Every structure is written in structure tokens, then in C-alpha cells.
Amino acid sequence: MFGSDDGRLYARDALIGGLSTLWTVDLGDPVVASPVFVDDVVVAATTGGRVVALAAEDQGRELWSYTGTEGSPLGPVDVDLAYADGVVYVADREGRVHLVDVADGTAVCEPFEAFGPVVGNPIVADGITYLPTTTGALHLLPAGRCSGTPPGVVPQIGTSVAFQLPPAVANGVVYALEEQRLLAYDTRDGQLSVWAIPYDAGSRITTAPLVADGLVYIGTQDGRVIAVDATDGTEVWSFRTGEPVAATPAVVPGAVFVVTGDGSVWALAGR
């Protein structure tokens, strides 16, 4: 399932290499953000400020459409959607975050004002919604709500630079990037108190971090794939590919898959 600049959403059969089109739906405006799937429902958003739910098993039949609330219309959407516990999280270009009930397309609450576009997509984990923004602020909200502070954490973490890539979240720690440095913020106090010093990769980090099995994985401009200990920020291992790493590493049991800028795919032995 993918969207296109022509305003259409395409459903293709993955079992035959994605070559057979099952159905297409014209949504009227470019579809840049990745949709989300909830059972047999696909929810997509457009740069025209509309979220649409479609029946995946019924030729993309429209189930509902959402364009914002009376006080906060939905702006252009070009970051990926998120879903958790019956709620679709939609961040628009104006810096507002809309929570939409996947069952009927109604607003769960009046949208949250992040005062800057969200980077990557909203992150929902362990009952908390994390909203990284281009202003350098990371907002924390109770999952499924548009206001309030989750118990035991700060409502906002301020970073020294604007987010360019989305952070990773694991066990109450936010792993964020600052050019060539990997930082670990404690959500309990919002400070860089998890590691003694940030990890310096020696080259610009080009991928969003990924946390798996106690390691934080990153890729760099100079072609290195690096695994950093999530608890203390020390380097566990690295591998040099020779080309800039183009996408966040994918981790499966026993292996780490990496894509580089020349189109190569590497399979590395995991930890």
C-alpha cells in the first residue's frame, strides 16, 4: 500500500512482487505520509488536509473522512501517521497533532499545539505520546489525550538543536541525534543524565536510531553501522560499508540489515 503525488492510493498484491494492482483510490491531493493499517482498514492522509479511512478488503471503499475540528482545521500532512489503542495520531505541517478515533473518524480531543512541525511521526510507547519537533522541543503527552502530563515524566524535553530525524524511545529513555552525536535523555527529569557523555560517531549520523536488545543502532555518512550500548553509551561494535548508510538498520534475530546509498543491502551478524 502506498500513496503518490498524483493523489492516488495504490493497493498491490505483495505475494506476486507487488506488480498486480488490487485497487486504487483518488484522494484528490498528494499522499506523502505512510498510511497505517488497523485490521482490514487503511487510514491515509493527504497534503490537502484530509484523513480518510478505507476498507482494504472492499476495493478501498471510503468509511470516513476527517478534516479537523471547528477550531483547528487539519493542515497539510506530510509525516507518517501512527496508531495505538483505537487512535490514529496525525501531525500536520502547522504543528498541530490530531487524535482521531479509528472507528468513526471523530476527534478524540481538541488538537495539541506543538508550535512546530513534528519530525518523522508521533511515537506512542508505554502509555506516552512523544512528539519531536523542528524547534528542538520534544513534547510528552499521555497516550490517547491531547493535554496533561504522563505520571513520572516531564512534559517537555528541550534539545540544543532542532530534530532532523525522529528519536527512538525505550525504557523511559529518549535517544536523539545531534549531527554526529547520539544523546540519551532521561524522561523523568529531561536531562542528559543517562550516559556520562554523549556518543560521538565521528561522522554525521544519517539514520534515525533504532533500539533493539539493549543496543542503539545508527548509520553514518562515512559508511559505518554502529551498535551502542543503550545503558552507558559505549560502542559495542561497528562495521564499515564504504558508502553512506541510507536507512535505519533493520534488526531481526541473529542479523542486522543495512541499506547504503549505492543501493547495496548488507546482512551483518547480530550481537
Protein backbone atom coordinates (compact mmCIF):
# COMPACT_ATOMS: atom_id res chain seq x y z
CA MET A 1 0.00 0.00 0.00
CA PHE A 2 1.47 3.36 -0.99
CA GLY A 3 0.45 6.85 -1.91
CA SER A 4 1.58 9.05 -4.76
CA ASP A 5 1.98 12.66 -5.84
CA ASP A 6 -0.90 12.09 -8.24
CA GLY A 7 -3.26 11.93 -5.26
CA ARG A 8 -3.95 8.23 -5.55
CA LEU A 9 -3.54 5.46 -3.01
CA TYR A 10 -2.45 2.15 -4.54
CA ALA A 11 -3.04 -1.34 -3.12
CA ARG A 12 -0.88 -4.03 -4.67
CA ASP A 13 -0.52 -7.76 -4.12
CA ALA A 14 2.66 -8.38 -2.13
CA LEU A 15 2.60 -12.13 -2.89
CA ILE A 16 3.47 -11.59 -6.54
CA GLY A 17 6.13 -8.94 -6.12
CA GLY A 18 3.78 -6.00 -5.79
CA LEU A 19 3.16 -5.99 -9.55
CA SER A 20 -0.57 -6.67 -9.51
CA THR A 21 -2.72 -3.67 -8.55
CA LEU A 22 -5.69 -4.71 -6.43
CA TRP A 23 -7.32 -1.29 -6.38
CA THR A 24 -6.62 2.44 -6.44
CA VAL A 25 -8.48 5.35 -4.88
CA ASP A 26 -8.19 9.00 -5.88
CA LEU A 27 -7.89 11.11 -2.71
CA GLY A 28 -7.60 14.39 -4.59
CA ASP A 29 -4.28 15.60 -3.16
CA PRO A 30 -0.78 14.09 -2.92
CA VAL A 31 -0.34 11.28 -0.39
CA VAL A 32 3.15 11.72 1.08
CA ALA A 33 2.74 10.23 4.57
CA SER A 34 2.79 6.47 5.02
CA PRO A 35 -0.67 5.13 5.88
CA VAL A 36 -1.47 2.89 8.84
CA PHE A 37 -3.34 -0.42 8.84
CA VAL A 38 -5.86 -1.42 11.50
CA ASP A 39 -7.25 -4.88 10.82
CA ASP A 40 -8.85 -4.52 7.35
CA VAL A 41 -8.93 -0.70 7.45
CA VAL A 42 -6.25 1.53 5.92
CA VAL A 43 -6.01 5.14 7.10
CA ALA A 44 -4.25 7.65 4.85
CA ALA A 45 -3.69 11.41 4.93
CA THR A 46 -3.14 13.99 2.19
CA THR A 47 -1.29 17.25 1.79
CA GLY A 48 -4.71 18.77 1.25
CA GLY A 49 -5.54 18.36 4.94
CA ARG A 50 -7.71 15.27 4.93
CA VAL A 51 -7.53 11.88 6.67
CA VAL A 52 -9.50 9.05 5.07
CA ALA A 53 -10.29 5.52 6.25
CA LEU A 54 -10.75 2.92 3.51
CA ALA A 55 -11.92 -0.69 3.53
CA ALA A 56 -8.88 -2.64 2.33
CA GLU A 57 -10.93 -5.75 1.50
CA ASP A 58 -13.67 -3.81 -0.32
CA GLN A 59 -11.84 -2.05 -3.16
CA GLY A 60 -10.86 0.90 -0.97
CA ARG A 61 -14.43 1.93 -0.15
CA GLU A 62 -14.40 5.11 1.96
CA LEU A 63 -15.51 4.59 5.56
CA TRP A 64 -15.00 8.08 6.95
CA SER A 65 -13.16 11.33 6.31
CA TYR A 66 -11.63 13.77 8.82
CA THR A 67 -10.62 17.39 8.11
CA GLY A 68 -10.05 18.69 11.64
CA THR A 69 -12.20 20.30 14.30
CA GLU A 70 -14.14 23.55 14.09
CA GLY A 71 -11.41 25.37 15.98
CA SER A 72 -8.43 23.57 14.45
CA PRO A 73 -8.72 22.54 10.79
CA LEU A 74 -6.26 19.90 9.66
CA GLY A 75 -3.31 21.32 7.72
CA PRO A 76 -1.19 19.54 5.10
CA VAL A 77 0.08 16.17 6.31
CA ASP A 78 3.49 15.00 5.12
CA VAL A 79 4.78 12.96 8.08
CA ASP A 80 3.80 9.36 8.72
CA LEU A 81 0.72 8.50 10.74
CA ALA A 82 0.82 6.50 13.97
CA TYR A 83 -1.74 4.21 15.57
CA ALA A 84 -2.27 2.83 19.08
CA ASP A 85 -5.28 1.53 21.02
CA GLY A 86 -8.00 2.72 18.68
CA VAL A 87 -6.50 6.14 17.99
CA VAL A 88 -4.80 7.45 14.83
CA TYR A 89 -2.22 10.18 15.50
CA VAL A 90 -1.93 12.77 12.73
CA ALA A 91 0.62 15.60 12.80
CA ASP A 92 0.12 18.38 10.28
CA ARG A 93 2.58 20.86 8.81
CA GLU A 94 1.21 23.65 11.02
CA GLY A 95 2.45 21.93 14.18
CA ARG A 96 -0.91 20.59 15.35
CA VAL A 97 -1.38 16.96 16.37
CA HIS A 98 -4.85 15.49 15.82
CA LEU A 99 -6.09 12.35 17.55
CA VAL A 100 -8.76 10.58 15.50
CA ASP A 101 -10.96 7.67 16.58
CA VAL A 102 -10.29 4.91 14.05
CA ALA A 103 -13.83 3.54 14.47
CA ASP A 104 -15.73 6.58 13.22
CA GLY A 105 -13.28 9.35 12.28
CA THR A 106 -14.25 11.73 15.09
CA ALA A 107 -11.77 13.84 17.02
CA VAL A 108 -10.78 12.29 20.34
CA CYS A 109 -9.93 15.73 21.73
CA GLU A 110 -9.08 19.24 20.58
CA PRO A 111 -5.73 19.01 18.72
CA PHE A 112 -2.47 19.58 20.60
CA GLU A 113 -0.42 22.62 19.54
CA ALA A 114 3.25 21.60 19.28
CA PHE A 115 4.37 25.05 17.99
CA GLY A 116 6.45 23.44 15.27
CA PRO A 117 6.14 20.60 12.74
CA VAL A 118 6.59 17.10 14.10
CA VAL A 119 9.60 15.22 12.72
CA GLY A 120 9.16 11.67 11.42
CA ASN A 121 5.89 10.77 13.10
CA PRO A 122 4.31 10.78 16.56
CA ILE A 123 5.74 7.98 18.71
CA VAL A 124 3.44 6.10 21.10
CA ALA A 125 5.11 3.81 23.65
CA ASP A 126 4.33 2.63 27.17
CA GLY A 127 1.33 4.90 27.58
CA ILE A 128 3.14 8.04 26.41
CA THR A 129 2.99 10.02 23.16
CA TYR A 130 6.30 11.57 22.12
CA LEU A 131 6.25 14.49 19.69
CA PRO A 132 9.70 15.58 18.38
CA THR A 133 9.59 18.91 16.58
CA THR A 134 11.72 21.04 14.28
CA THR A 135 12.01 23.62 17.07
CA GLY A 136 14.05 21.21 19.21
CA ALA A 137 11.24 20.59 21.70
CA LEU A 138 10.11 17.05 22.48
CA HIS A 139 6.60 17.04 23.93
CA LEU A 140 5.34 14.18 26.13
CA LEU A 141 1.61 13.56 26.49
CA PRO A 142 -0.48 10.75 27.96
CA ALA A 143 -1.34 8.37 25.13
CA GLY A 144 -4.80 8.98 23.74
CA ARG A 145 -5.01 12.50 25.15
CA CYS A 146 -4.26 16.00 23.84
CA SER A 147 -3.26 17.53 27.18
CA GLY A 148 -1.82 16.64 30.55
CA THR A 149 1.46 15.13 31.70
CA PRO A 150 2.14 11.39 31.95
CA PRO A 151 2.91 10.31 35.53
CA GLY A 152 6.58 10.26 36.47
CA VAL A 153 7.94 12.18 33.47
CA VAL A 154 8.47 15.77 32.40
CA PRO A 155 6.00 17.36 29.94
CA GLN A 156 8.75 18.57 27.60
CA ILE A 157 12.42 17.99 26.84
CA GLY A 158 14.38 20.78 25.20
CA THR A 159 17.28 19.83 22.93
CA SER A 160 20.10 22.06 21.75
CA VAL A 161 19.25 21.63 18.06
CA ALA A 162 16.11 21.04 16.01
CA PHE A 163 15.19 17.44 15.36
CA GLN A 164 16.12 16.43 11.81
CA LEU A 165 15.39 12.73 12.27
CA PRO A 166 12.96 11.12 14.73
CA PRO A 167 14.37 9.82 18.02
CA ALA A 168 13.95 6.33 19.44
CA VAL A 169 12.30 5.60 22.77
CA ALA A 170 12.94 2.63 25.07
CA ASN A 171 12.50 2.07 28.79
CA GLY A 172 11.85 5.72 29.57
CA VAL A 173 14.90 6.95 27.67
CA VAL A 174 14.80 9.10 24.52
CA TYR A 175 17.70 8.53 22.10
CA ALA A 176 18.13 11.60 19.90
CA LEU A 177 20.64 12.83 17.34
CA GLU A 178 22.71 15.99 17.12
CA GLU A 179 24.73 15.95 13.90
CA GLN A 180 27.36 13.29 14.73
CA ARG A 181 26.38 12.75 18.36
CA LEU A 182 23.90 10.30 19.88
CA LEU A 183 22.25 11.61 23.05
CA ALA A 184 20.23 9.86 25.76
CA TYR A 185 17.61 11.90 27.66
CA ASP A 186 16.01 10.70 30.88
CA THR A 187 12.27 11.38 30.61
CA ARG A 188 12.00 11.63 34.40
CA ASP A 189 13.96 14.90 34.54
CA GLY A 190 14.57 15.77 30.88
CA GLN A 191 18.33 15.85 31.37
CA LEU A 192 21.28 14.15 29.68
CA SER A 193 21.76 12.11 32.82
CA VAL A 194 21.64 8.58 31.38
CA TRP A 195 25.18 8.44 29.96
CA ALA A 196 28.33 10.05 31.32
CA ILE A 197 28.93 11.68 27.93
CA PRO A 198 27.06 11.54 24.58
CA TYR A 199 28.33 9.09 21.99
CA ASP A 200 30.31 10.74 19.17
CA ALA A 201 30.19 8.79 15.89
CA GLY A 202 32.92 10.88 14.26
CA SER A 203 30.74 11.48 11.18
CA ARG A 204 27.24 12.84 10.62
CA ILE A 205 24.58 10.32 11.63
CA THR A 206 22.32 9.75 8.63
CA THR A 207 19.67 7.39 10.03
CA ALA A 208 17.11 7.56 12.79
CA PRO A 209 18.27 5.48 15.77
CA LEU A 210 16.79 2.06 16.46
CA VAL A 211 16.81 0.31 19.85
CA ALA A 212 16.79 -3.48 19.97
CA ASP A 213 18.06 -5.97 22.53
CA GLY A 214 19.84 -3.35 24.63
CA LEU A 215 21.66 -1.74 21.70
CA VAL A 216 21.11 1.50 19.81
CA TYR A 217 21.81 1.13 16.08
CA ILE A 218 22.79 4.06 13.86
CA GLY A 219 24.33 4.61 10.43
CA THR A 220 26.71 7.37 9.37
CA GLN A 221 27.74 9.47 6.39
CA ASP A 222 31.16 7.82 6.27
CA GLY A 223 29.54 4.38 5.84
CA ARG A 224 29.66 2.92 9.33
CA VAL A 225 26.95 0.88 11.01
CA ILE A 226 27.35 1.27 14.77
CA ALA A 227 25.85 -0.52 17.75
CA VAL A 228 25.97 1.45 21.01
CA ASP A 229 25.17 0.10 24.47
CA ALA A 230 21.83 1.64 25.43
CA THR A 231 22.69 1.76 29.14
CA ASP A 232 26.04 3.57 29.10
CA GLY A 233 26.64 4.92 25.57
CA THR A 234 29.76 2.89 24.83
CA GLU A 235 30.40 1.49 21.37
CA VAL A 236 29.84 -2.28 21.22
CA TRP A 237 30.73 -2.83 17.57
CA SER A 238 30.87 -1.10 14.21
CA PHE A 239 31.11 -2.17 10.59
CA ARG A 240 32.31 -0.04 7.68
CA THR A 241 30.33 -0.47 4.45
CA GLY A 242 32.25 2.06 2.37
CA GLU A 243 29.11 4.01 1.37
CA PRO A 244 26.84 6.35 3.36
CA VAL A 245 24.15 4.44 5.25
CA ALA A 246 20.82 5.43 3.70
CA ALA A 247 18.19 3.92 6.00
CA THR A 248 17.71 2.93 9.62
CA PRO A 249 19.15 -0.58 10.16
CA ALA A 250 16.60 -3.38 10.45
CA VAL A 251 17.24 -5.89 13.23
CA VAL A 252 15.99 -9.47 13.26
CA PRO A 253 17.17 -12.37 15.44
CA GLY A 254 20.81 -13.02 14.55
CA ALA A 255 21.15 -10.38 11.84
CA VAL A 256 21.22 -6.66 11.08
CA PHE A 257 20.20 -5.49 7.59
CA VAL A 258 21.61 -2.25 6.21
CA VAL A 259 20.95 -0.28 3.01
CA THR A 260 23.64 2.05 1.67
CA GLY A 261 23.50 4.98 -0.71
CA ASP A 262 24.64 2.94 -3.72
CA GLY A 263 21.63 0.63 -3.36
CA SER A 264 23.50 -2.25 -1.72
CA VAL A 265 21.88 -4.31 1.03
CA TRP A 266 24.16 -5.71 3.71
CA ALA A 267 23.36 -8.54 6.12
CA LEU A 268 25.53 -8.38 9.23
CA ALA A 269 25.81 -10.85 12.07
CA GLY A 270 23.91 -9.56 15.08
CA ARG A 271 25.06 -9.46 18.63
